[in-house]
Amino acid sequence: MSSLEKLKNFLAQEIIPDLEEAIDEMFSFIEKAKMASIADKEELQELQEMHSECKDIVSEIEAGEMEEEEAKELLEEFVEMKTADED
């Protein structure tokens, strides 16, 4: 399996669902609190931006606009980030 395929699968099956869950939790938290702090709003915005960037990467891969080497580097970064979050 190529790095492009691995990256696409990792994003689609791991990262994007995790981000969607975190975004939903943040919305729920803000809704229950009836108010959001600036930090909460910034965190929500960062999560939404990362979600959008991940979807853009998947689109790039599907359109054949990403090189194998770039996919390999991104995959390493995402795996590292995911394992750091789990610690």
PDB file of N, CA and C in Angstrom:
ATOM      1  N   MET A   1       0.849  -1.182   0.000  1.00  0.00           N
ATOM      2  CA  MET A   1       0.000   0.000   0.000  1.00  0.00           C
ATOM      3  C   MET A   1       0.892   1.243   0.000  1.00  0.00           C
ATOM      4  N   SER A   2       0.558   2.191  -0.835  1.00  0.00           N
ATOM      5  CA  SER A   2       1.374   3.401  -0.943  1.00  0.00           C
ATOM      6  C   SER A   2       1.136   4.320   0.254  1.00  0.00           C
ATOM      7  N   SER A   3       2.048   5.249   0.440  1.00  0.00           N
ATOM      8  CA  SER A   3       1.891   6.232   1.516  1.00  0.00           C
ATOM      9  C   SER A   3       0.655   7.085   1.290  1.00  0.00           C
ATOM     10  N   LEU A   4       0.330   7.346   0.028  1.00  0.00           N
ATOM     11  CA  LEU A   4      -0.882   8.112  -0.284  1.00  0.00           C
ATOM     12  C   LEU A   4      -2.120   7.378   0.232  1.00  0.00           C
ATOM     13  N   GLU A   5      -2.202   6.092  -0.045  1.00  0.00           N
ATOM     14  CA  GLU A   5      -3.348   5.302   0.413  1.00  0.00           C
ATOM     15  C   GLU A   5      -3.376   5.193   1.934  1.00  0.00           C
ATOM     16  N   LYS A   6      -2.211   4.981   2.523  1.00  0.00           N
ATOM     17  CA  LYS A   6      -2.135   4.874   3.983  1.00  0.00           C
ATOM     18  C   LYS A   6      -2.587   6.178   4.641  1.00  0.00           C
ATOM     19  N   LEU A   7      -2.110   7.308   4.105  1.00  0.00           N
ATOM     20  CA  LEU A   7      -2.483   8.606   4.663  1.00  0.00           C
ATOM     21  C   LEU A   7      -3.984   8.832   4.524  1.00  0.00           C
ATOM     22  N   LYS A   8      -4.513   8.565   3.349  1.00  0.00           N
ATOM     23  CA  LYS A   8      -5.948   8.750   3.117  1.00  0.00           C
ATOM     24  C   LYS A   8      -6.759   7.897   4.092  1.00  0.00           C
ATOM     25  N   ASN A   9      -6.395   6.630   4.235  1.00  0.00           N
ATOM     26  CA  ASN A   9      -7.122   5.741   5.140  1.00  0.00           C
ATOM     27  C   ASN A   9      -6.990   6.183   6.596  1.00  0.00           C
ATOM     28  N   PHE A  10      -5.779   6.583   6.987  1.00  0.00           N
ATOM     29  CA  PHE A  10      -5.552   7.016   8.367  1.00  0.00           C
ATOM     30  C   PHE A  10      -6.395   8.247   8.686  1.00  0.00           C
ATOM     31  N   LEU A  11      -6.408   9.197   7.756  1.00  0.00           N
ATOM     32  CA  LEU A  11      -7.211  10.399   7.973  1.00  0.00           C
ATOM     33  C   LEU A  11      -8.695  10.055   8.034  1.00  0.00           C
ATOM     34  N   ALA A  12      -9.156   9.262   7.075  1.00  0.00           N
ATOM     35  CA  ALA A  12     -10.588   8.953   6.981  1.00  0.00           C
ATOM     36  C   ALA A  12     -11.082   8.078   8.131  1.00  0.00           C
ATOM     37  N   GLN A  13     -10.236   7.176   8.612  1.00  0.00           N
ATOM     38  CA  GLN A  13     -10.687   6.223   9.621  1.00  0.00           C
ATOM     39  C   GLN A  13     -10.300   6.594  11.045  1.00  0.00           C
ATOM     40  N   GLU A  14      -9.277   7.411  11.203  1.00  0.00           N
ATOM     41  CA  GLU A  14      -8.796   7.739  12.547  1.00  0.00           C
ATOM     42  C   GLU A  14      -8.924   9.232  12.888  1.00  0.00           C
ATOM     43  N   ILE A  15      -8.239  10.051  12.133  1.00  0.00           N
ATOM     44  CA  ILE A  15      -8.110  11.469  12.489  1.00  0.00           C
ATOM     45  C   ILE A  15      -9.424  12.225  12.329  1.00  0.00           C
ATOM     46  N   ILE A  16     -10.062  12.139  11.166  1.00  0.00           N
ATOM     47  CA  ILE A  16     -11.294  12.899  10.923  1.00  0.00           C
ATOM     48  C   ILE A  16     -12.397  12.495  11.908  1.00  0.00           C
ATOM     49  N   PRO A  17     -12.642  11.199  12.128  1.00  0.00           N
ATOM     50  CA  PRO A  17     -13.666  10.853  13.137  1.00  0.00           C
ATOM     51  C   PRO A  17     -13.328  11.359  14.540  1.00  0.00           C
ATOM     52  N   ASP A  18     -12.047  11.308  14.912  1.00  0.00           N
ATOM     53  CA  ASP A  18     -11.635  11.827  16.224  1.00  0.00           C
ATOM     54  C   ASP A  18     -11.897  13.327  16.324  1.00  0.00           C
ATOM     55  N   LEU A  19     -11.586  14.048  15.254  1.00  0.00           N
ATOM     56  CA  LEU A  19     -11.827  15.491  15.249  1.00  0.00           C
ATOM     57  C   LEU A  19     -13.318  15.801  15.317  1.00  0.00           C
ATOM     58  N   GLU A  20     -14.118  15.044  14.570  1.00  0.00           N
ATOM     59  CA  GLU A  20     -15.563  15.261  14.600  1.00  0.00           C
ATOM     60  C   GLU A  20     -16.127  15.012  15.995  1.00  0.00           C
ATOM     61  N   GLU A  21     -15.622  13.986  16.662  1.00  0.00           N
ATOM     62  CA  GLU A  21     -16.057  13.700  18.026  1.00  0.00           C
ATOM     63  C   GLU A  21     -15.651  14.828  18.981  1.00  0.00           C
ATOM     64  N   ALA A  22     -14.437  15.311  18.838  1.00  0.00           N
ATOM     65  CA  ALA A  22     -13.960  16.405  19.698  1.00  0.00           C
ATOM     66  C   ALA A  22     -14.763  17.687  19.449  1.00  0.00           C
ATOM     67  N   ILE A  23     -15.089  17.959  18.195  1.00  0.00           N
ATOM     68  CA  ILE A  23     -15.889  19.136  17.855  1.00  0.00           C
ATOM     69  C   ILE A  23     -17.281  19.007  18.466  1.00  0.00           C
ATOM     70  N   ASP A  24     -17.890  17.825  18.331  1.00  0.00           N
ATOM     71  CA  ASP A  24     -19.214  17.594  18.922  1.00  0.00           C
ATOM     72  C   ASP A  24     -19.189  17.768  20.434  1.00  0.00           C
ATOM     73  N   GLU A  25     -18.150  17.246  21.073  1.00  0.00           N
ATOM     74  CA  GLU A  25     -18.028  17.383  22.526  1.00  0.00           C
ATOM     75  C   GLU A  25     -17.876  18.845  22.928  1.00  0.00           C
ATOM     76  N   MET A  26     -17.099  19.597  22.150  1.00  0.00           N
ATOM     77  CA  MET A  26     -16.900  21.010  22.460  1.00  0.00           C
ATOM     78  C   MET A  26     -18.209  21.786  22.300  1.00  0.00           C
ATOM     79  N   PHE A  27     -18.957  21.509  21.220  1.00  0.00           N
ATOM     80  CA  PHE A  27     -20.259  22.149  21.034  1.00  0.00           C
ATOM     81  C   PHE A  27     -21.195  21.816  22.191  1.00  0.00           C
ATOM     82  N   SER A  28     -21.203  20.564  22.605  1.00  0.00           N
ATOM     83  CA  SER A  28     -22.059  20.124  23.698  1.00  0.00           C
ATOM     84  C   SER A  28     -21.672  20.826  25.000  1.00  0.00           C
ATOM     85  N   PHE A  29     -20.383  20.906  25.252  1.00  0.00           N
ATOM     86  CA  PHE A  29     -19.894  21.582  26.453  1.00  0.00           C
ATOM     87  C   PHE A  29     -20.314  23.049  26.462  1.00  0.00           C
ATOM     88  N   ILE A  30     -20.128  23.712  25.327  1.00  0.00           N
ATOM     89  CA  ILE A  30     -20.473  25.134  25.222  1.00  0.00           C
ATOM     90  C   ILE A  30     -21.979  25.319  25.393  1.00  0.00           C
ATOM     91  N   GLU A  31     -22.760  24.434  24.803  1.00  0.00           N
ATOM     92  CA  GLU A  31     -24.217  24.518  24.896  1.00  0.00           C
ATOM     93  C   GLU A  31     -24.683  24.340  26.343  1.00  0.00           C
ATOM     94  N   LYS A  32     -24.105  23.362  27.043  1.00  0.00           N
ATOM     95  CA  LYS A  32     -24.492  23.115  28.436  1.00  0.00           C
ATOM     96  C   LYS A  32     -24.097  24.282  29.326  1.00  0.00           C
ATOM     97  N   ALA A  33     -22.944  24.857  29.054  1.00  0.00           N
ATOM     98  CA  ALA A  33     -22.449  25.966  29.875  1.00  0.00           C
ATOM     99  C   ALA A  33     -23.167  27.265  29.550  1.00  0.00           C
ATOM    100  N   LYS A  34     -23.863  27.291  28.405  1.00  0.00           N
ATOM    101  CA  LYS A  34     -24.584  28.479  27.927  1.00  0.00           C
ATOM    102  C   LYS A  34     -23.660  29.661  27.662  1.00  0.00           C
ATOM    103  N   MET A  35     -22.377  29.387  27.707  1.00  0.00           N
ATOM    104  CA  MET A  35     -21.406  30.448  27.473  1.00  0.00           C
ATOM    105  C   MET A  35     -20.060  29.793  27.183  1.00  0.00           C
ATOM    106  N   ALA A  36     -19.330  30.410  26.323  1.00  0.00           N
ATOM    107  CA  ALA A  36     -18.017  29.862  25.986  1.00  0.00           C
ATOM    108  C   ALA A  36     -16.944  30.895  26.278  1.00  0.00           C
ATOM    109  N   SER A  37     -15.868  30.430  26.875  1.00  0.00           N
ATOM    110  CA  SER A  37     -14.746  31.331  27.117  1.00  0.00           C
ATOM    111  C   SER A  37     -14.007  31.556  25.796  1.00  0.00           C
ATOM    112  N   ILE A  38     -13.156  32.517  25.778  1.00  0.00           N
ATOM    113  CA  ILE A  38     -12.344  32.785  24.587  1.00  0.00           C
ATOM    114  C   ILE A  38     -11.495  31.565  24.264  1.00  0.00           C
ATOM    115  N   ALA A  39     -10.959  30.921  25.285  1.00  0.00           N
ATOM    116  CA  ALA A  39     -10.127  29.731  25.082  1.00  0.00           C
ATOM    117  C   ALA A  39     -10.946  28.603  24.459  1.00  0.00           C
ATOM    118  N   ASP A  40     -12.195  28.439  24.924  1.00  0.00           N
ATOM    119  CA  ASP A  40     -13.066  27.410  24.348  1.00  0.00           C
ATOM    120  C   ASP A  40     -13.340  27.686  22.878  1.00  0.00           C
ATOM    121  N   LYS A  41     -13.627  28.934  22.570  1.00  0.00           N
ATOM    122  CA  LYS A  41     -13.902  29.316  21.185  1.00  0.00           C
ATOM    123  C   LYS A  41     -12.672  29.097  20.309  1.00  0.00           C
ATOM    124  N   GLU A  42     -11.500  29.435  20.834  1.00  0.00           N
ATOM    125  CA  GLU A  42     -10.256  29.235  20.080  1.00  0.00           C
ATOM    126  C   GLU A  42      -9.990  27.758  19.843  1.00  0.00           C
ATOM    127  N   GLU A  43     -10.224  26.930  20.863  1.00  0.00           N
ATOM    128  CA  GLU A  43     -10.018  25.492  20.715  1.00  0.00           C
ATOM    129  C   GLU A  43     -10.980  24.926  19.676  1.00  0.00           C
ATOM    130  N   LEU A  44     -12.227  25.344  19.729  1.00  0.00           N
ATOM    131  CA  LEU A  44     -13.219  24.889  18.757  1.00  0.00           C
ATOM    132  C   LEU A  44     -12.806  25.300  17.353  1.00  0.00           C
ATOM    133  N   GLN A  45     -12.356  26.527  17.207  1.00  0.00           N
ATOM    134  CA  GLN A  45     -11.919  27.008  15.895  1.00  0.00           C
ATOM    135  C   GLN A  45     -10.725  26.203  15.386  1.00  0.00           C
ATOM    136  N   GLU A  46      -9.775  25.913  16.258  1.00  0.00           N
ATOM    137  CA  GLU A  46      -8.603  25.118  15.865  1.00  0.00           C
ATOM    138  C   GLU A  46      -9.016  23.713  15.418  1.00  0.00           C
ATOM    139  N   LEU A  47      -9.933  23.103  16.154  1.00  0.00           N
ATOM    140  CA  LEU A  47     -10.418  21.775  15.785  1.00  0.00           C
ATOM    141  C   LEU A  47     -11.109  21.804  14.422  1.00  0.00           C
ATOM    142  N   GLN A  48     -11.920  22.829  14.202  1.00  0.00           N
ATOM    143  CA  GLN A  48     -12.626  22.953  12.929  1.00  0.00           C
ATOM    144  C   GLN A  48     -11.652  23.185  11.771  1.00  0.00           C
ATOM    145  N   GLU A  49     -10.629  23.990  12.006  1.00  0.00           N
ATOM    146  CA  GLU A  49      -9.630  24.243  10.969  1.00  0.00           C
ATOM    147  C   GLU A  49      -8.849  22.968  10.640  1.00  0.00           C
ATOM    148  N   MET A  50      -8.472  22.210  11.672  1.00  0.00           N
ATOM    149  CA  MET A  50      -7.740  20.971  11.443  1.00  0.00           C
ATOM    150  C   MET A  50      -8.622  19.972  10.686  1.00  0.00           C
ATOM    151  N   HIS A  51      -9.892  19.912  11.045  1.00  0.00           N
ATOM    152  CA  HIS A  51     -10.846  19.030  10.363  1.00  0.00           C
ATOM    153  C   HIS A  51     -10.909  19.394   8.886  1.00  0.00           C
ATOM    154  N   SER A  52     -11.015  20.670   8.599  1.00  0.00           N
ATOM    155  CA  SER A  52     -11.077  21.146   7.218  1.00  0.00           C
ATOM    156  C   SER A  52      -9.789  20.818   6.460  1.00  0.00           C
ATOM    157  N   GLU A  53      -8.653  21.022   7.110  1.00  0.00           N
ATOM    158  CA  GLU A  53      -7.365  20.721   6.478  1.00  0.00           C
ATOM    159  C   GLU A  53      -7.242  19.230   6.161  1.00  0.00           C
ATOM    160  N   CYS A  54      -7.709  18.381   7.062  1.00  0.00           N
ATOM    161  CA  CYS A  54      -7.646  16.938   6.832  1.00  0.00           C
ATOM    162  C   CYS A  54      -8.518  16.543   5.646  1.00  0.00           C
ATOM    163  N   LYS A  55      -9.693  17.122   5.573  1.00  0.00           N
ATOM    164  CA  LYS A  55     -10.572  16.834   4.434  1.00  0.00           C
ATOM    165  C   LYS A  55      -9.942  17.328   3.130  1.00  0.00           C
ATOM    166  N   ASP A  56      -9.268  18.471   3.192  1.00  0.00           N
ATOM    167  CA  ASP A  56      -8.577  18.999   2.009  1.00  0.00           C
ATOM    168  C   ASP A  56      -7.464  18.050   1.568  1.00  0.00           C
ATOM    169  N   ILE A  57      -6.739  17.485   2.506  1.00  0.00           N
ATOM    170  CA  ILE A  57      -5.666  16.537   2.188  1.00  0.00           C
ATOM    171  C   ILE A  57      -6.248  15.311   1.492  1.00  0.00           C
ATOM    172  N   VAL A  58      -7.360  14.785   2.017  1.00  0.00           N
ATOM    173  CA  VAL A  58      -8.009  13.636   1.386  1.00  0.00           C
ATOM    174  C   VAL A  58      -8.422  13.992  -0.047  1.00  0.00           C
ATOM    175  N   SER A  59      -8.960  15.177  -0.237  1.00  0.00           N
ATOM    176  CA  SER A  59      -9.363  15.622  -1.580  1.00  0.00           C
ATOM    177  C   SER A  59      -8.166  15.725  -2.514  1.00  0.00           C
ATOM    178  N   GLU A  60      -7.046  16.234  -1.994  1.00  0.00           N
ATOM    179  CA  GLU A  60      -5.817  16.328  -2.789  1.00  0.00           C
ATOM    180  C   GLU A  60      -5.351  14.951  -3.243  1.00  0.00           C
ATOM    181  N   ILE A  61      -5.394  13.993  -2.328  1.00  0.00           N
ATOM    182  CA  ILE A  61      -4.976  12.629  -2.651  1.00  0.00           C
ATOM    183  C   ILE A  61      -5.897  12.054  -3.726  1.00  0.00           C
ATOM    184  N   GLU A  62      -7.207  12.225  -3.538  1.00  0.00           N
ATOM    185  CA  GLU A  62      -8.170  11.684  -4.494  1.00  0.00           C
ATOM    186  C   GLU A  62      -8.023  12.323  -5.875  1.00  0.00           C
ATOM    187  N   ALA A  63      -7.596  13.578  -5.906  1.00  0.00           N
ATOM    188  CA  ALA A  63      -7.428  14.290  -7.171  1.00  0.00           C
ATOM    189  C   ALA A  63      -6.051  14.039  -7.799  1.00  0.00           C
ATOM    190  N   GLY A  64      -5.206  13.279  -7.102  1.00  0.00           N
ATOM    191  CA  GLY A  64      -3.873  12.993  -7.612  1.00  0.00           C
ATOM    192  C   GLY A  64      -2.933  14.180  -7.552  1.00  0.00           C
ATOM    193  N   GLU A  65      -3.187  15.082  -6.623  1.00  0.00           N
ATOM    194  CA  GLU A  65      -2.405  16.320  -6.519  1.00  0.00           C
ATOM    195  C   GLU A  65      -1.316  16.261  -5.449  1.00  0.00           C
ATOM    196  N   MET A  66      -1.110  15.097  -4.845  1.00  0.00           N
ATOM    197  CA  MET A  66      -0.107  14.990  -3.790  1.00  0.00           C
ATOM    198  C   MET A  66       0.949  13.961  -4.186  1.00  0.00           C
ATOM    199  N   GLU A  67       2.188  14.305  -3.902  1.00  0.00           N
ATOM    200  CA  GLU A  67       3.306  13.404  -4.179  1.00  0.00           C
ATOM    201  C   GLU A  67       3.431  12.368  -3.070  1.00  0.00           C
ATOM    202  N   GLU A  68       3.972  11.232  -3.410  1.00  0.00           N
ATOM    203  CA  GLU A  68       4.167  10.130  -2.468  1.00  0.00           C
ATOM    204  C   GLU A  68       5.010  10.562  -1.263  1.00  0.00           C
ATOM    205  N   GLU A  69       6.075  11.307  -1.518  1.00  0.00           N
ATOM    206  CA  GLU A  69       6.980  11.732  -0.442  1.00  0.00           C
ATOM    207  C   GLU A  69       6.264  12.665   0.541  1.00  0.00           C
ATOM    208  N   GLU A  70       5.469  13.591   0.014  1.00  0.00           N
ATOM    209  CA  GLU A  70       4.713  14.504   0.882  1.00  0.00           C
ATOM    210  C   GLU A  70       3.720  13.709   1.741  1.00  0.00           C
ATOM    211  N   ALA A  71       3.068  12.721   1.132  1.00  0.00           N
ATOM    212  CA  ALA A  71       2.116  11.890   1.870  1.00  0.00           C
ATOM    213  C   ALA A  71       2.826  11.138   2.994  1.00  0.00           C
ATOM    214  N   LYS A  72       4.017  10.624   2.700  1.00  0.00           N
ATOM    215  CA  LYS A  72       4.784   9.889   3.701  1.00  0.00           C
ATOM    216  C   LYS A  72       5.111  10.787   4.895  1.00  0.00           C
ATOM    217  N   GLU A  73       5.552  12.020   4.613  1.00  0.00           N
ATOM    218  CA  GLU A  73       5.893  12.963   5.682  1.00  0.00           C
ATOM    219  C   GLU A  73       4.668  13.330   6.516  1.00  0.00           C
ATOM    220  N   LEU A  74       3.554  13.603   5.833  1.00  0.00           N
ATOM    221  CA  LEU A  74       2.326  13.951   6.549  1.00  0.00           C
ATOM    222  C   LEU A  74       1.837  12.787   7.401  1.00  0.00           C
ATOM    223  N   LEU A  75       1.913  11.581   6.854  1.00  0.00           N
ATOM    224  CA  LEU A  75       1.480  10.403   7.596  1.00  0.00           C
ATOM    225  C   LEU A  75       2.296  10.256   8.881  1.00  0.00           C
ATOM    226  N   GLU A  76       3.601  10.432   8.773  1.00  0.00           N
ATOM    227  CA  GLU A  76       4.463  10.349   9.962  1.00  0.00           C
ATOM    228  C   GLU A  76       4.066  11.389  11.002  1.00  0.00           C
ATOM    229  N   GLU A  77       3.767  12.612  10.544  1.00  0.00           N
ATOM    230  CA  GLU A  77       3.370  13.677  11.469  1.00  0.00           C
ATOM    231  C   GLU A  77       2.053  13.350  12.156  1.00  0.00           C
ATOM    232  N   PHE A  78       1.078  12.877  11.377  1.00  0.00           N
ATOM    233  CA  PHE A  78      -0.225  12.556  11.958  1.00  0.00           C
ATOM    234  C   PHE A  78      -0.144  11.381  12.926  1.00  0.00           C
ATOM    235  N   VAL A  79       0.636  10.363  12.586  1.00  0.00           N
ATOM    236  CA  VAL A  79       0.789   9.214  13.478  1.00  0.00           C
ATOM    237  C   VAL A  79       1.453   9.664  14.779  1.00  0.00           C
ATOM    238  N   GLU A  80       2.479  10.488  14.662  1.00  0.00           N
ATOM    239  CA  GLU A  80       3.162  11.005  15.844  1.00  0.00           C
ATOM    240  C   GLU A  80       2.213  11.825  16.714  1.00  0.00           C
ATOM    241  N   MET A  81       1.406  12.674  16.080  1.00  0.00           N
ATOM    242  CA  MET A  81       0.462  13.512  16.800  1.00  0.00           C
ATOM    243  C   MET A  81      -0.603  12.640  17.490  1.00  0.00           C
ATOM    244  N   LYS A  82      -1.083  11.641  16.789  1.00  0.00           N
ATOM    245  CA  LYS A  82      -2.117  10.744  17.341  1.00  0.00           C
ATOM    246  C   LYS A  82      -1.572   9.956  18.541  1.00  0.00           C
ATOM    247  N   THR A  83      -0.359   9.448  18.441  1.00  0.00           N
ATOM    248  CA  THR A  83       0.206   8.678  19.548  1.00  0.00           C
ATOM    249  C   THR A  83       0.531   9.584  20.739  1.00  0.00           C
ATOM    250  N   ALA A  84       0.889  10.814  20.479  1.00  0.00           N
ATOM    251  CA  ALA A  84       1.155  11.764  21.571  1.00  0.00           C
ATOM    252  C   ALA A  84      -0.140  12.098  22.314  1.00  0.00           C
ATOM    253  N   ASP A  85      -1.251  12.187  21.592  1.00  0.00           N
ATOM    254  CA  ASP A  85      -2.544  12.470  22.213  1.00  0.00           C
ATOM    255  C   ASP A  85      -3.016  11.319  23.087  1.00  0.00           C
ATOM    256  N   GLU A  86      -2.620  10.104  22.733  1.00  0.00           N
ATOM    257  CA  GLU A  86      -3.077   8.937  23.470  1.00  0.00           C
ATOM    258  C   GLU A  86      -2.288   8.721  24.766  1.00  0.00           C
ATOM    259  N   ASP A  87      -1.136   9.347  24.894  1.00  0.00           N
ATOM    260  CA  ASP A  87      -0.305   9.181  26.099  1.00  0.00           C
ATOM    261  C   ASP A  87      -0.857   9.944  27.280  1.00  0.00           C
TER     262      ASP A  87
END
